[in-house]
Amino acid sequence: MRKFSTKFSHYFAIPCAVLGACLGGCSAMEPAPLPLTVAPEALRPPAPAVLALRTQANGVQIYGCTAAADDAARFEWTLTAPETDLFDEAGKRIGRHYAGPTWEALDGSKVVGEVQARASASDPGAIAWLLLAVKTNSGIGVLGQVQWIQRLDTVGGKAPAAGCDAAHAGAEVRVPYKASYYFYSAAH
């Protein structure tokens, strides 16, 4: 056995040293940031916008059953509001998203947006991807200087295809969804 271990020990010395360094350093490593989604050209904020914050959203899109604007005899699900928590990349809750559409950080800063462009989601069962311009800002926190918002990476959230008719007028459904929200400020 001695002859075997001496003869082949150099084959194991380097891999073992590398493995030991990796295992020793792994506990001190930070989690890798999630990759950024490349948005379609129509959903990109104008230059020189700078990414200020990225959040993961988990919540619901709330729809009400109402008469169609162009035909009172036809009923359809209409978006009432989102009701969503916002999380940072480490999974810590940092804010919420609700009617307006409004995004509010726990630091008190807030923005209200207005849709500028939309694109179909890569998942046909998901709500559209959006680019929103900020109409109003308040507070001096993380959202205080935001000018543009993207909603990307959507999962779920679409209104039901059925179940809304005269007999169900006024009904409400809450459809689960997830998304990534990217917040951009102007370059300084």
Protein backbone atom coordinates (compact mmCIF):
# COMPACT_ATOMS: atom_id res chain seq x y z
CA MET A 1 0.00 0.00 0.00
CA ARG A 2 2.80 2.38 0.80
CA LYS A 3 4.09 2.15 -2.75
CA PHE A 4 0.61 2.94 -4.17
CA SER A 5 0.06 5.99 -1.98
CA THR A 6 3.52 7.40 -2.73
CA LYS A 7 3.27 6.74 -6.44
CA PHE A 8 -0.19 8.32 -6.89
CA SER A 9 -0.28 10.88 -4.08
CA HIS A 10 0.60 13.77 -6.41
CA TYR A 11 -2.55 13.06 -8.45
CA PHE A 12 -4.70 13.71 -5.39
CA ALA A 13 -2.77 16.56 -3.76
CA ILE A 14 -3.91 19.37 -6.08
CA PRO A 15 -7.57 18.35 -6.41
CA CYS A 16 -7.83 17.90 -2.65
CA ALA A 17 -6.23 21.29 -2.00
CA VAL A 18 -8.61 22.98 -4.46
CA LEU A 19 -11.62 21.19 -2.95
CA GLY A 20 -10.52 22.17 0.54
CA ALA A 21 -10.16 25.82 -0.46
CA CYS A 22 -13.59 25.78 -2.07
CA LEU A 23 -15.27 24.13 0.89
CA GLY A 24 -13.55 26.43 3.33
CA GLY A 25 -14.51 29.54 1.39
CA CYS A 26 -18.08 28.52 0.58
CA SER A 27 -19.47 29.39 3.99
CA ALA A 28 -18.18 32.95 3.69
CA MET A 29 -19.52 33.50 0.17
CA GLU A 30 -22.52 35.78 -0.40
CA PRO A 31 -25.44 34.36 -2.39
CA ALA A 32 -25.01 35.05 -6.09
CA PRO A 33 -27.31 37.81 -7.35
CA LEU A 34 -30.14 36.71 -9.60
CA PRO A 35 -29.47 37.30 -13.29
CA LEU A 36 -31.11 40.40 -14.78
CA THR A 37 -33.79 39.84 -17.38
CA VAL A 38 -33.17 41.51 -20.72
CA ALA A 39 -36.36 43.38 -21.55
CA PRO A 40 -37.68 43.81 -25.08
CA GLU A 41 -36.54 47.10 -26.63
CA ALA A 42 -40.01 48.68 -26.22
CA LEU A 43 -39.85 48.11 -22.46
CA ARG A 44 -36.45 49.69 -21.83
CA PRO A 45 -36.38 53.02 -20.01
CA PRO A 46 -34.76 55.87 -21.93
CA ALA A 47 -31.06 56.50 -21.40
CA PRO A 48 -29.40 57.48 -19.13
CA ALA A 49 -31.61 55.53 -16.68
CA VAL A 50 -29.72 53.61 -13.97
CA LEU A 51 -31.04 50.54 -12.17
CA ALA A 52 -31.68 51.63 -8.57
CA LEU A 53 -33.56 48.63 -7.16
CA ARG A 54 -34.82 45.21 -8.18
CA THR A 55 -37.53 43.41 -6.24
CA GLN A 56 -39.39 40.15 -6.43
CA ALA A 57 -43.17 40.44 -6.06
CA ASN A 58 -45.49 37.79 -4.68
CA GLY A 59 -49.18 38.51 -4.36
CA VAL A 60 -52.45 38.70 -6.27
CA GLN A 61 -54.10 40.59 -9.09
CA ILE A 62 -57.67 41.43 -8.03
CA TYR A 63 -60.34 41.43 -10.75
CA GLY A 64 -63.99 42.50 -10.59
CA CYS A 65 -66.77 41.24 -12.85
CA THR A 66 -68.21 44.34 -14.58
CA ALA A 67 -70.20 45.26 -17.68
CA ALA A 68 -67.98 45.98 -20.67
CA ALA A 69 -67.49 49.67 -21.43
CA ASP A 70 -68.59 49.22 -25.06
CA ASP A 71 -71.50 46.79 -24.45
CA ALA A 72 -73.48 46.78 -21.19
CA ALA A 73 -74.87 43.33 -22.02
CA ARG A 74 -71.38 41.80 -22.08
CA PHE A 75 -69.46 41.22 -18.83
CA GLU A 76 -65.72 40.89 -18.32
CA TRP A 77 -63.10 40.64 -15.59
CA THR A 78 -61.53 44.07 -15.02
CA LEU A 79 -58.38 44.66 -13.00
CA THR A 80 -59.24 46.38 -9.73
CA ALA A 81 -55.82 46.42 -8.08
CA PRO A 82 -52.74 44.40 -7.28
CA GLU A 83 -52.09 43.38 -3.67
CA THR A 84 -48.47 42.35 -3.51
CA ASP A 85 -45.49 42.19 -1.17
CA LEU A 86 -42.07 43.19 -2.49
CA PHE A 87 -38.90 41.32 -1.49
CA ASP A 88 -35.20 42.02 -1.96
CA GLU A 89 -32.84 39.43 -3.43
CA ALA A 90 -32.24 37.91 0.01
CA GLY A 91 -35.98 37.32 0.45
CA LYS A 92 -36.53 40.10 3.01
CA ARG A 93 -39.84 41.99 2.68
CA ILE A 94 -39.04 45.60 1.73
CA GLY A 95 -42.36 47.02 0.59
CA ARG A 96 -45.69 46.54 -1.09
CA HIS A 97 -47.51 47.21 -4.37
CA TYR A 98 -51.17 48.22 -4.53
CA ALA A 99 -53.78 50.28 -6.42
CA GLY A 100 -52.61 53.36 -8.26
CA PRO A 101 -50.50 51.51 -9.36
CA THR A 102 -48.39 52.36 -6.31
CA TRP A 103 -45.14 50.90 -4.97
CA GLU A 104 -44.30 51.78 -1.37
CA ALA A 105 -41.05 50.91 0.40
CA LEU A 106 -40.85 50.23 4.14
CA ASP A 107 -38.68 53.38 4.41
CA GLY A 108 -41.78 55.44 3.51
CA SER A 109 -40.79 56.38 -0.04
CA LYS A 110 -43.47 55.82 -2.66
CA VAL A 111 -44.08 56.06 -6.41
CA VAL A 112 -47.21 56.00 -8.56
CA GLY A 113 -46.75 54.83 -12.13
CA GLU A 114 -48.48 55.04 -15.49
CA VAL A 115 -48.17 52.36 -18.19
CA GLN A 116 -46.14 53.50 -21.19
CA ALA A 117 -45.63 50.20 -23.03
CA ARG A 118 -46.53 46.53 -22.72
CA ALA A 119 -45.38 43.23 -24.20
CA SER A 120 -46.69 39.71 -23.95
CA ALA A 121 -45.08 37.63 -21.22
CA SER A 122 -42.88 34.72 -22.24
CA ASP A 123 -45.43 32.51 -20.41
CA PRO A 124 -48.81 32.72 -22.22
CA GLY A 125 -50.61 32.18 -18.89
CA ALA A 126 -48.97 35.23 -17.28
CA ILE A 127 -49.85 38.91 -17.19
CA ALA A 128 -48.06 41.24 -19.58
CA TRP A 129 -44.62 42.74 -19.05
CA LEU A 130 -44.75 46.52 -18.63
CA LEU A 131 -42.77 49.74 -18.72
CA LEU A 132 -44.22 52.46 -16.50
CA ALA A 133 -43.27 56.11 -16.13
CA VAL A 134 -43.45 57.51 -12.61
CA LYS A 135 -46.18 60.16 -12.25
CA THR A 136 -45.43 61.05 -8.63
CA ASN A 137 -42.71 60.37 -6.06
CA SER A 138 -42.84 60.96 -2.33
CA GLY A 139 -40.34 60.42 0.45
CA ILE A 140 -36.56 60.47 0.38
CA GLY A 141 -35.98 56.73 0.61
CA VAL A 142 -35.10 54.11 -1.99
CA LEU A 143 -38.01 55.03 -4.31
CA GLY A 144 -37.66 58.80 -3.90
CA GLN A 145 -35.74 59.36 -7.16
CA VAL A 146 -37.22 56.55 -9.27
CA GLN A 147 -38.46 57.63 -12.72
CA TRP A 148 -39.16 54.34 -14.52
CA ILE A 149 -40.45 50.89 -13.52
CA GLN A 150 -40.38 47.61 -15.42
CA ARG A 151 -42.54 44.59 -14.61
CA LEU A 152 -40.85 41.49 -16.02
CA ASP A 153 -40.61 37.73 -15.38
CA THR A 154 -44.33 37.44 -14.69
CA VAL A 155 -45.91 34.16 -13.59
CA GLY A 156 -49.70 33.85 -13.39
CA GLY A 157 -51.99 36.77 -12.62
CA LYS A 158 -54.21 36.68 -15.71
CA ALA A 159 -57.95 37.18 -15.32
CA PRO A 160 -60.02 34.00 -15.57
CA ALA A 161 -61.29 33.17 -19.06
CA ALA A 162 -64.80 32.42 -17.76
CA GLY A 163 -67.10 32.96 -14.80
CA CYS A 164 -68.01 36.59 -15.41
CA ASP A 165 -71.57 37.19 -16.63
CA ALA A 166 -74.70 39.12 -15.58
CA ALA A 167 -75.38 36.60 -12.81
CA HIS A 168 -71.91 37.23 -11.35
CA ALA A 169 -71.80 41.03 -11.76
CA GLY A 170 -69.83 42.53 -8.87
CA ALA A 171 -67.99 39.27 -8.11
CA GLU A 172 -64.30 39.48 -7.29
CA VAL A 173 -61.44 37.04 -7.91
CA ARG A 174 -57.90 37.12 -6.56
CA VAL A 175 -55.42 35.56 -8.96
CA PRO A 176 -51.93 34.71 -7.60
CA TYR A 177 -48.94 36.10 -9.48
CA LYS A 178 -45.22 36.68 -9.21
CA ALA A 179 -43.05 39.21 -11.02
CA SER A 180 -39.75 41.06 -10.95
CA TYR A 181 -39.96 44.84 -10.64
CA TYR A 182 -36.99 46.93 -11.78
CA PHE A 183 -36.83 50.56 -10.57
CA TYR A 184 -34.71 53.09 -12.48
CA SER A 185 -33.53 56.59 -11.60
CA ALA A 186 -31.78 59.16 -13.78
CA ALA A 187 -27.99 59.03 -13.96
CA HIS A 188 -26.35 61.74 -11.83
